[in-house]
Protein backbone atom coordinates (compact mmCIF):
# COMPACT_ATOMS: atom_id res chain seq x y z
CA MET A 1 0.00 0.00 0.00
CA ALA A 2 1.14 3.51 -0.73
CA GLN A 3 2.06 5.68 2.21
CA TYR A 4 1.04 9.30 2.14
CA GLN A 5 4.05 11.50 2.85
CA PRO A 6 3.22 15.20 2.55
CA GLN A 7 6.81 16.34 3.18
CA GLY A 8 8.01 18.23 0.12
CA PHE A 9 4.61 18.08 -1.55
CA SER A 10 2.99 21.23 -2.86
CA LEU A 11 0.19 22.49 -0.64
CA LEU A 12 -1.53 23.96 -3.69
CA PRO A 13 -0.60 22.07 -6.87
CA PRO A 14 -1.52 23.69 -10.22
CA ALA A 15 -4.70 21.82 -11.19
CA VAL A 16 -6.21 22.17 -7.72
CA LYS A 17 -5.28 25.85 -7.63
CA HIS A 18 -6.90 26.59 -10.99
CA LEU A 19 -10.01 24.57 -10.14
CA LEU A 20 -10.38 26.56 -6.93
CA ILE A 21 -9.99 29.84 -8.82
CA ILE A 22 -12.51 28.89 -11.52
CA ASN A 23 -15.11 27.76 -8.98
CA VAL A 24 -14.75 30.92 -6.91
CA LEU A 25 -14.90 33.15 -10.00
CA VAL A 26 -18.04 31.43 -11.29
CA PHE A 27 -19.65 31.67 -7.86
CA GLY A 28 -18.81 35.36 -7.65
CA ALA A 29 -20.08 36.06 -11.16
CA ASP A 30 -23.32 34.20 -10.41
CA TYR A 31 -23.80 36.21 -7.21
CA VAL A 32 -23.31 39.53 -9.01
CA LEU A 33 -25.46 38.62 -12.00
CA GLN A 34 -28.32 37.41 -9.81
CA ARG A 35 -28.53 40.93 -8.44
CA GLN A 36 -29.21 42.01 -12.02
CA GLY A 37 -31.86 39.35 -12.56
CA ILE A 38 -29.58 37.08 -14.58
CA TYR A 39 -29.26 33.44 -13.47
CA LEU A 40 -26.25 31.49 -14.72
CA GLY A 41 -27.89 28.35 -13.38
CA ASN A 42 -30.39 28.50 -16.24
CA ILE A 43 -27.48 27.84 -18.59
CA LEU A 44 -24.81 26.05 -16.57
CA ALA A 45 -26.75 23.82 -14.15
CA LEU A 46 -27.47 20.21 -15.13
CA PHE A 47 -31.03 19.72 -16.39
CA SER A 48 -32.76 16.53 -17.41
CA LEU A 49 -33.25 15.69 -21.07
CA GLN A 50 -37.00 15.92 -20.59
CA SER A 51 -36.89 19.45 -19.16
CA GLY A 52 -36.25 21.14 -22.49
CA ASN A 53 -33.40 23.10 -20.85
CA PHE A 54 -30.62 20.56 -21.31
CA GLN A 55 -27.50 21.65 -23.17
CA VAL A 56 -24.54 19.48 -24.14
CA TRP A 57 -22.06 21.41 -21.98
CA GLN A 58 -24.04 21.00 -18.76
CA PRO A 59 -22.46 17.67 -17.64
CA LEU A 60 -19.25 19.71 -17.36
CA SER A 61 -20.46 23.18 -16.44
CA TYR A 62 -22.66 22.05 -13.51
CA MET A 63 -19.47 21.13 -11.63
CA PHE A 64 -18.53 24.81 -11.36
CA MET A 65 -21.88 26.09 -10.10
CA HIS A 66 -22.80 26.15 -6.40
CA ALA A 67 -26.04 26.87 -4.60
CA ASN A 68 -24.75 28.94 -1.70
CA LEU A 69 -21.68 29.91 0.32
CA SER A 70 -21.62 26.82 2.53
CA HIS A 71 -21.97 24.58 -0.54
CA ILE A 72 -18.92 26.02 -2.27
CA PHE A 73 -16.90 26.31 0.95
CA PHE A 74 -17.16 22.63 1.88
CA ASN A 75 -16.63 21.46 -1.69
CA MET A 76 -13.55 23.63 -2.14
CA PHE A 77 -12.16 22.66 1.25
CA ASN A 78 -12.43 18.98 0.36
CA LEU A 79 -11.13 19.59 -3.15
CA TRP A 80 -8.03 21.14 -1.60
CA MET A 81 -7.65 18.54 1.17
CA PHE A 82 -8.01 15.40 -0.94
CA GLY A 83 -7.24 16.86 -4.35
CA ALA A 84 -3.85 18.25 -3.37
CA ALA A 85 -2.82 14.86 -1.99
CA MET A 86 -3.93 13.01 -5.12
CA GLU A 87 -2.43 15.54 -7.56
CA ASN A 88 0.89 15.33 -5.71
CA PHE A 89 0.73 11.55 -5.85
CA TRP A 90 -0.57 11.10 -9.41
CA GLY A 91 0.68 14.18 -11.18
CA THR A 92 -1.41 16.95 -12.69
CA LYS A 93 -2.48 15.23 -15.90
CA ARG A 94 -3.80 12.06 -14.31
CA PHE A 95 -5.41 13.98 -11.46
CA LEU A 96 -7.29 16.31 -13.82
CA THR A 97 -8.38 13.39 -16.00
CA TYR A 98 -9.73 11.63 -12.93
CA TYR A 99 -11.46 14.70 -11.47
CA LEU A 100 -13.25 15.61 -14.71
CA ALA A 101 -14.16 11.98 -15.43
CA CYS A 102 -15.78 11.62 -12.00
CA GLY A 103 -17.76 14.84 -12.34
CA ILE A 104 -18.86 14.38 -15.95
CA GLY A 105 -19.50 10.66 -15.56
CA ALA A 106 -21.61 11.20 -12.44
CA GLY A 107 -23.63 13.88 -14.21
CA LEU A 108 -24.35 11.59 -17.15
CA LEU A 109 -25.31 8.70 -14.85
CA TYR A 110 -27.50 10.94 -12.73
CA MET A 111 -29.39 12.06 -15.82
CA LEU A 112 -30.53 8.47 -16.32
CA LEU A 113 -32.42 8.46 -13.03
CA PRO A 114 -36.10 9.37 -13.05
CA GLY A 115 -37.15 12.59 -11.39
CA LEU A 116 -33.82 14.37 -11.85
CA HIS A 117 -33.55 17.60 -9.89
CA ILE A 118 -31.64 20.56 -11.29
CA THR A 119 -28.10 19.76 -10.19
CA VAL A 120 -25.10 21.97 -9.40
CA GLY A 121 -21.83 21.57 -7.58
CA ALA A 122 -18.44 19.85 -7.57
CA SER A 123 -19.60 17.31 -4.99
CA ALA A 124 -19.61 14.29 -7.32
CA ALA A 125 -16.01 14.92 -8.40
CA VAL A 126 -15.01 15.64 -4.78
CA TYR A 127 -16.56 12.36 -3.61
CA GLY A 128 -14.53 10.69 -6.35
CA LEU A 129 -11.40 12.27 -4.83
CA LEU A 130 -12.40 11.02 -1.40
CA LEU A 131 -12.68 7.49 -2.79
CA ALA A 132 -9.30 7.83 -4.51
CA PHE A 133 -7.65 8.95 -1.28
CA GLY A 134 -9.25 6.08 0.61
CA MET A 135 -8.18 3.49 -1.98
CA THR A 136 -4.65 4.87 -2.27
CA PHE A 137 -3.97 5.60 1.40
CA PRO A 138 -6.44 3.33 3.24
CA ASN A 139 -4.64 3.40 6.58
CA GLU A 140 -4.09 7.14 6.82
CA TYR A 141 -6.20 8.94 9.41
CA ILE A 142 -8.88 11.56 8.89
CA TYR A 143 -9.88 13.57 11.92
CA LEU A 144 -13.65 13.93 12.18
CA TYR A 145 -14.49 17.41 13.41
CA PHE A 146 -10.71 17.82 13.76
CA LEU A 147 -10.82 15.62 16.87
CA MET A 148 -11.78 11.99 16.19
CA PRO A 149 -9.24 9.92 14.20
CA ILE A 150 -10.61 7.35 11.76
CA LYS A 151 -8.83 5.43 9.02
CA THR A 152 -9.76 6.58 5.55
CA LYS A 153 -10.91 3.11 4.46
CA TRP A 154 -13.56 3.12 7.18
CA PHE A 155 -14.46 6.75 6.62
CA VAL A 156 -15.02 6.15 2.89
CA THR A 157 -17.04 3.00 3.58
CA GLY A 158 -19.20 4.93 6.02
CA MET A 159 -19.76 7.75 3.54
CA ILE A 160 -20.87 5.28 0.86
CA VAL A 161 -23.40 3.71 3.23
CA ILE A 162 -24.69 7.11 4.38
CA GLU A 163 -25.08 8.42 0.84
CA LEU A 164 -26.86 5.26 -0.26
CA LEU A 165 -29.30 5.36 2.65
CA GLN A 166 -29.95 9.07 2.21
CA GLY A 167 -30.46 8.60 -1.51
CA ILE A 168 -33.06 5.91 -0.87
CA PHE A 169 -34.91 7.35 2.10
CA TYR A 170 -34.31 11.10 1.75
CA SER A 171 -34.40 11.55 -2.01
CA TYR A 172 -36.26 14.86 -1.75
CA ASP A 173 -33.87 16.65 0.60
CA GLY A 174 -32.40 18.70 -2.25
CA VAL A 175 -29.06 16.84 -2.25
CA ALA A 176 -27.95 14.72 -5.22
CA HIS A 177 -26.85 11.69 -3.19
CA PHE A 178 -26.83 9.36 -6.18
CA ALA A 179 -24.66 11.82 -8.09
CA HIS A 180 -22.15 11.59 -5.23
CA LEU A 181 -22.24 7.80 -5.50
CA GLY A 182 -21.92 8.10 -9.27
CA GLY A 183 -18.71 10.08 -8.85
CA MET A 184 -17.36 7.38 -6.55
CA LEU A 185 -18.38 4.62 -8.97
CA ILE A 186 -16.67 6.28 -11.93
CA GLY A 187 -13.61 6.89 -9.76
CA PHE A 188 -13.50 3.26 -8.65
CA LEU A 189 -13.72 1.97 -12.22
CA LEU A 190 -11.02 4.35 -13.41
CA ILE A 191 -8.63 3.47 -10.59
CA MET A 192 -9.13 -0.24 -11.21
CA TRP A 193 -8.45 0.31 -14.93
CA TRP A 194 -5.22 2.17 -14.15
CA ARG A 195 -4.13 -0.54 -11.73
CA LYS A 196 -4.60 -3.20 -14.39
CA HIS A 197 -3.04 -1.02 -17.13
CA PRO A 198 -0.37 0.99 -15.24
CA PHE A 199 1.43 2.06 -18.40
CA SER A 200 -1.62 3.07 -20.41
CA ARG A 201 -1.91 6.55 -21.87
CA PHE A 202 -4.52 8.79 -20.22
């Protein structure tokens, strides 16, 4: 198993840095434009095919839209925390391939579900990063609420169970739980492909 050693690693590698900047800029632009009666979500959010509002770029663009300040804060915090570790470990090209694949793939899978809500946020890609960290560094510790240590393999397992249960029993809480699971599924398949084809181009 790989051991996570942050010594000498960049705290803000290039892909993570630019993703953070883009997300914050889009959030700021959306905030300003809403004050003028213009809603970027009408163009950039992910709509169902049946809504009549779907556009081909939405499985990508929805990843850079966020509903409110707490939504973007927690997504960006986790993007930095897990994304920086994985970009340092994988390199920028593989990290960015993985991040976009998780987000886009989850969006496309989520569109197949009946009763799709309008969806925004980087959460699916971030959950994919969480899975990647757990699979790559399963015995590293995450501190819940900055106090309680738990190994990442158990933390990730718990998050999968929680998201599945919430998706089944709380499907109308306004959170795209199955999109989160979709990001993890795409991430799992991609990691397993890379492990079986370690020298493949990506």
